[in-house]
Protein backbone atom coordinates (compact mmCIF):
# COMPACT_ATOMS: atom_id res chain seq x y z
CA MET A 1 -21.54 9.42 34.15
CA ARG A 2 -17.75 9.60 34.67
CA LYS A 3 -15.63 10.72 31.76
CA VAL A 4 -11.82 10.33 31.08
CA ILE A 5 -9.31 11.67 28.83
CA SER A 6 -6.10 10.18 27.35
CA ILE A 7 -2.99 11.58 28.70
CA ALA A 8 -0.72 9.23 26.51
CA ALA A 9 0.18 10.00 22.97
CA VAL A 10 -1.48 6.79 22.14
CA CYS A 11 -3.64 4.90 24.63
CA PRO A 12 -4.25 1.30 23.71
CA LEU A 13 -7.65 -0.25 24.18
CA TRP A 14 -7.48 -3.94 25.01
CA ALA A 15 -10.01 -6.76 24.50
CA ALA A 16 -9.58 -7.70 28.26
CA PRO A 17 -7.94 -6.20 31.25
CA SER A 18 -4.62 -7.76 30.58
CA TYR A 19 -1.35 -6.59 28.78
CA LYS A 20 -1.39 -10.05 26.95
CA MET A 21 -4.81 -9.54 25.19
CA GLU A 22 -5.50 -8.14 21.78
CA MET A 23 -5.43 -4.50 21.24
CA THR A 24 -8.60 -3.58 19.53
CA SER A 25 -8.44 0.30 19.11
CA GLN A 26 -6.69 3.32 20.54
CA LEU A 27 -7.37 6.68 22.05
CA LEU A 28 -5.12 9.52 20.92
CA PHE A 29 -3.79 12.13 23.28
CA GLY A 30 -6.86 14.31 24.33
CA GLU A 31 -9.54 11.94 23.20
CA GLN A 32 -12.33 11.28 25.70
CA ALA A 33 -14.34 8.25 26.82
CA GLU A 34 -16.93 7.12 29.34
CA VAL A 35 -16.05 4.92 32.28
CA LEU A 36 -18.01 1.63 32.18
CA GLU A 37 -15.99 -0.57 34.71
CA GLU A 38 -12.86 -0.28 36.76
CA GLU A 39 -10.19 -2.71 38.01
CA LYS A 40 -6.95 -2.24 39.80
CA LEU A 41 -4.88 -1.68 36.70
CA PHE A 42 -7.37 -1.28 33.89
CA THR A 43 -10.70 0.71 33.14
CA LEU A 44 -13.10 -0.33 30.68
CA VAL A 45 -14.20 2.60 28.52
CA ARG A 46 -16.56 3.59 25.66
CA CYS A 47 -14.97 6.04 23.29
CA ASP A 48 -17.02 9.20 22.63
CA TYR A 49 -16.10 9.38 19.09
CA ASP A 50 -17.31 5.88 17.82
CA GLY A 51 -18.69 4.15 20.68
CA TYR A 52 -15.86 1.55 20.66
CA GLU A 53 -15.27 -0.26 24.08
CA GLY A 54 -11.95 -1.59 25.39
CA TRP A 55 -9.80 -1.84 28.51
CA CYS A 56 -7.18 0.86 28.91
CA MET A 57 -4.39 1.25 31.54
CA ASN A 58 -5.27 3.53 34.40
CA ASN A 59 -2.07 5.34 34.23
CA GLN A 60 -2.67 6.50 30.59
CA ILE A 61 -6.06 8.37 31.42
CA ALA A 62 -7.26 10.97 33.65
CA GLU A 63 -10.66 11.67 34.97
CA LEU A 64 -12.31 14.82 33.41
CA PRO A 65 -13.70 17.25 35.93
CA ALA A 66 -17.49 17.98 35.60
CA GLY A 67 -18.43 20.72 33.15
CA ILE A 68 -15.07 21.07 31.46
CA ALA A 69 -15.31 22.60 28.04
CA PHE A 70 -13.50 21.57 24.88
CA GLU A 71 -12.91 23.88 22.00
CA LEU A 72 -11.60 21.95 18.87
CA LYS A 73 -9.08 23.90 17.14
CA GLY A 74 -7.98 21.33 14.56
CA TYR A 75 -5.85 18.17 14.01
CA VAL A 76 -2.16 17.75 14.03
CA ASN A 77 -1.01 17.67 10.35
CA LYS A 78 2.80 17.32 10.74
CA THR A 79 5.47 15.25 12.50
CA GLY A 80 7.47 16.58 15.38
CA VAL A 81 4.47 18.39 17.03
CA SER A 82 4.27 18.29 20.82
CA ALA A 83 1.85 19.22 23.50
CA LEU A 84 2.90 19.77 27.08
CA LEU A 85 1.59 17.70 29.99
CA ASN A 86 2.48 19.24 33.30
CA ASN A 87 5.41 20.91 31.29
CA SER A 88 6.62 17.66 29.95
CA HIS A 89 6.59 17.21 26.14
CA ILE A 90 4.16 14.61 24.65
CA HIS A 91 5.02 13.81 20.98
CA LEU A 92 1.66 13.83 19.10
CA PRO A 93 0.87 11.70 16.10
CA VAL A 94 -0.81 13.04 13.00
CA ALA A 95 -4.63 13.40 13.42
CA THR A 96 -4.44 14.12 17.19
CA PRO A 97 -7.18 16.69 18.01
CA VAL A 98 -5.94 20.05 19.30
CA TYR A 99 -8.09 21.82 21.85
CA ASN A 100 -7.99 24.79 24.04
CA ASN A 101 -5.39 24.34 26.97
CA LEU A 102 -6.93 22.23 29.74
CA ASP A 103 -6.70 22.22 33.58
CA LEU A 104 -7.67 18.82 34.99
CA GLY A 105 -6.45 19.57 38.39
CA ALA A 106 -3.55 17.20 38.71
CA TYR A 107 -2.82 17.44 35.08
CA LYS A 108 -2.32 20.46 32.88
CA ILE A 109 -2.38 20.26 29.19
CA GLU A 110 -0.92 23.04 26.84
CA TYR A 111 -1.54 22.34 23.10
CA PRO A 112 0.76 23.62 20.41
CA LEU A 113 0.39 26.95 18.86
CA ASN A 114 1.00 25.52 15.32
CA GLY A 115 1.59 22.46 13.44
CA TYR A 116 -2.18 21.69 13.02
CA VAL A 117 -4.81 22.32 10.43
CA SER A 118 -7.74 24.38 11.60
CA ALA A 119 -10.95 22.37 11.86
CA ALA A 120 -12.96 25.40 10.85
CA GLU A 121 -11.10 25.74 7.45
CA ILE A 122 -11.12 22.04 6.31
CA LYS A 123 -13.54 21.26 3.48
CA ALA A 124 -14.55 17.67 2.89
CA ASN A 125 -13.78 17.26 -0.82
CA SER A 126 -11.46 15.03 -3.02
CA SER A 127 -8.52 17.50 -2.72
CA THR A 128 -8.67 17.59 1.05
CA ALA A 129 -9.07 13.74 1.26
CA GLU A 130 -5.89 13.18 -0.78
CA LYS A 131 -3.97 15.67 1.34
CA MET A 132 -5.10 14.11 4.69
CA ALA A 133 -4.43 10.49 3.40
CA MET A 134 -0.94 11.37 2.18
CA LEU A 135 -0.06 12.49 5.68
CA PHE A 136 -0.15 8.61 6.67
CA LEU A 137 1.83 7.31 3.74
CA ASN A 138 4.36 4.71 4.82
CA THR A 139 2.96 4.37 8.32
CA PRO A 140 3.39 0.83 9.56
CA TYR A 141 0.46 -1.37 9.84
CA LEU A 142 -0.71 -2.14 13.39
CA TRP A 143 -3.92 -4.14 14.29
CA GLY A 144 -6.01 -1.86 16.19
CA GLY A 145 -3.83 1.21 15.50
CA LYS A 146 -5.33 4.69 14.90
CA SER A 147 -2.28 6.80 14.61
CA SER A 148 0.72 7.79 12.38
CA PHE A 149 2.87 5.59 14.59
CA GLY A 150 0.91 2.47 13.52
CA ILE A 151 -2.47 2.14 11.89
CA ASP A 152 -4.90 -0.37 10.52
CA CYS A 153 -7.04 -0.21 7.49
CA SER A 154 -10.14 1.10 9.04
CA GLY A 155 -8.28 3.21 11.54
CA PHE A 156 -6.68 4.91 8.57
CA THR A 157 -9.91 5.69 6.84
CA GLN A 158 -11.60 6.79 10.12
CA LYS A 159 -8.70 9.34 10.86
CA VAL A 160 -8.65 10.74 7.41
CA PHE A 161 -12.29 11.35 7.45
CA LYS A 162 -12.46 12.68 11.01
CA MET A 163 -10.01 15.29 9.96
CA MET A 164 -12.54 16.26 7.47
CA GLY A 165 -15.35 16.54 9.81
CA ILE A 166 -16.91 13.17 8.67
CA ALA A 167 -17.52 10.62 11.34
CA LEU A 168 -16.76 7.05 10.30
CA GLN A 169 -17.38 3.98 12.51
CA ARG A 170 -14.45 1.95 13.78
CA ASP A 171 -14.23 -1.27 11.77
CA ALA A 172 -14.45 -1.88 8.02
CA TYR A 173 -17.63 -3.99 8.29
CA GLN A 174 -19.25 -1.03 10.10
CA GLN A 175 -17.99 1.65 7.72
CA VAL A 176 -19.40 -0.25 4.74
CA THR A 177 -22.98 0.47 6.15
CA GLN A 178 -22.31 4.20 5.68
CA GLY A 179 -22.33 6.49 2.69
CA THR A 180 -23.79 5.94 -0.76
CA VAL A 181 -23.12 3.34 -3.35
CA VAL A 182 -20.94 4.14 -6.36
CA ASP A 183 -22.10 1.79 -9.06
CA PHE A 184 -18.96 1.55 -11.09
CA LEU A 185 -15.21 1.90 -10.43
CA GLN A 186 -14.87 4.10 -13.37
CA GLN A 187 -17.26 6.68 -11.66
CA ALA A 188 -15.29 6.82 -8.47
CA VAL A 189 -13.45 9.85 -7.39
CA CYS A 190 -10.64 10.66 -4.92
CA GLY A 191 -12.02 10.21 -1.38
CA ASP A 192 -14.35 7.37 -2.27
CA LEU A 193 -13.87 4.15 -0.02
CA ALA A 194 -13.49 0.77 -1.55
CA PHE A 195 -14.35 -2.39 0.54
CA PHE A 196 -12.97 -5.79 0.18
CA ASP A 197 -14.40 -9.18 1.13
CA ASN A 198 -13.07 -12.71 1.85
CA GLU A 199 -14.38 -16.02 0.58
CA SER A 200 -17.21 -16.02 3.00
CA GLY A 201 -18.37 -12.68 1.94
CA ASP A 202 -17.30 -10.81 5.06
CA ILE A 203 -16.00 -7.25 4.67
CA ILE A 204 -12.30 -7.46 5.80
CA HIS A 205 -10.59 -4.62 4.19
CA VAL A 206 -11.05 -0.97 3.31
CA GLY A 207 -8.99 1.73 1.52
CA MET A 208 -9.42 5.24 0.09
CA LEU A 209 -9.57 5.57 -3.75
CA LEU A 210 -7.17 8.27 -5.30
CA GLY A 211 -9.16 7.82 -8.53
CA SER A 212 -10.56 4.92 -10.44
CA GLU A 213 -7.08 3.16 -10.99
CA SER A 214 -5.23 3.78 -7.57
CA ILE A 215 -5.93 3.20 -3.93
CA ILE A 216 -4.16 4.16 -0.73
CA HIS A 217 -4.72 1.75 2.08
CA ALA A 218 -2.93 0.16 5.07
CA SER A 219 -1.54 -3.17 4.14
CA GLY A 220 1.89 -3.83 5.64
CA TYR A 221 2.15 -0.18 5.73
CA VAL A 222 0.11 2.70 4.22
CA ARG A 223 0.71 2.38 0.55
CA ILE A 224 -0.50 3.12 -2.88
CA ASP A 225 -1.53 0.28 -5.17
CA THR A 226 -3.37 -0.26 -8.42
CA ILE A 227 -7.04 -1.23 -8.38
CA ASP A 228 -9.33 -2.64 -11.12
CA ASN A 229 -12.80 -4.06 -11.25
CA LEU A 230 -11.55 -7.24 -9.52
CA GLY A 231 -9.67 -5.59 -6.72
CA ILE A 232 -6.20 -4.57 -5.63
CA VAL A 233 -2.95 -5.41 -7.34
CA ASN A 234 0.23 -4.92 -5.38
CA SER A 235 2.30 -2.21 -7.43
CA ILE A 236 5.47 -3.81 -6.41
CA THR A 237 4.82 -7.51 -6.91
CA GLY A 238 2.05 -7.50 -9.42
CA LYS A 239 0.09 -9.98 -7.38
CA ARG A 240 -3.57 -9.47 -6.54
CA THR A 241 -4.22 -8.98 -2.93
CA HIS A 242 -7.77 -8.06 -2.18
CA LYS A 243 -11.10 -8.76 -3.86
CA LEU A 244 -13.30 -5.69 -4.62
CA ARG A 245 -16.83 -5.84 -3.13
CA ILE A 246 -18.24 -2.41 -3.12
CA ILE A 247 -17.37 1.29 -3.42
CA LYS A 248 -19.06 3.91 -1.19
CA SER A 249 -19.05 7.87 -1.34
CA MET A 250 -18.89 9.49 2.14
CA PHE A 251 -19.32 13.05 0.91
């Protein structure tokens, strides 16, 4: 089994081997994937973290030598943090994993000495969930995005929980199958996830509750809005934007 690592700050995953196709997800710098198929300019990979598949550009990944060891130190929690790739700065988005320095042969990666939160010290609770979520506040919405450079609704929740050591699947309709049901909105605590459906009953959106009356979610940009038993109300326009389906607790 051949493995690759992202050597781009953000490596897009495309639905097909073409620049014109839909971006479905991303690999952040240092994230790994399994090689499934190769073409001249693109490689089909399966992400180690969530099993998501997509085509990435060959010049944004590097092959991992057999037996290489990864020691997770933590996750970037500030802007302006850089790693070195062959002595050239790579500006890292929030939630990028930070490992021990890596020697990949043709590529040598040196990770920052600070600017990240220690994975060993993170506790999955309401306080931590709020701190991690607020790191993404005002991040622009990007379909398929998973970084503080641009993010979608499920990419946002996945990254927040990844930084707390809780693995969520990639898409909202997948994440809703995880966790335990919270029966009433009034019982919800900060860190619970709220899921929203369309007229057909399909789960199309997810956000993280900050309590029983407010939610942080990626809609246009990562924002804080009001929530009630019917769903989300835009805090600026006063218009209802999403219909509440179910609330789940993940910790």
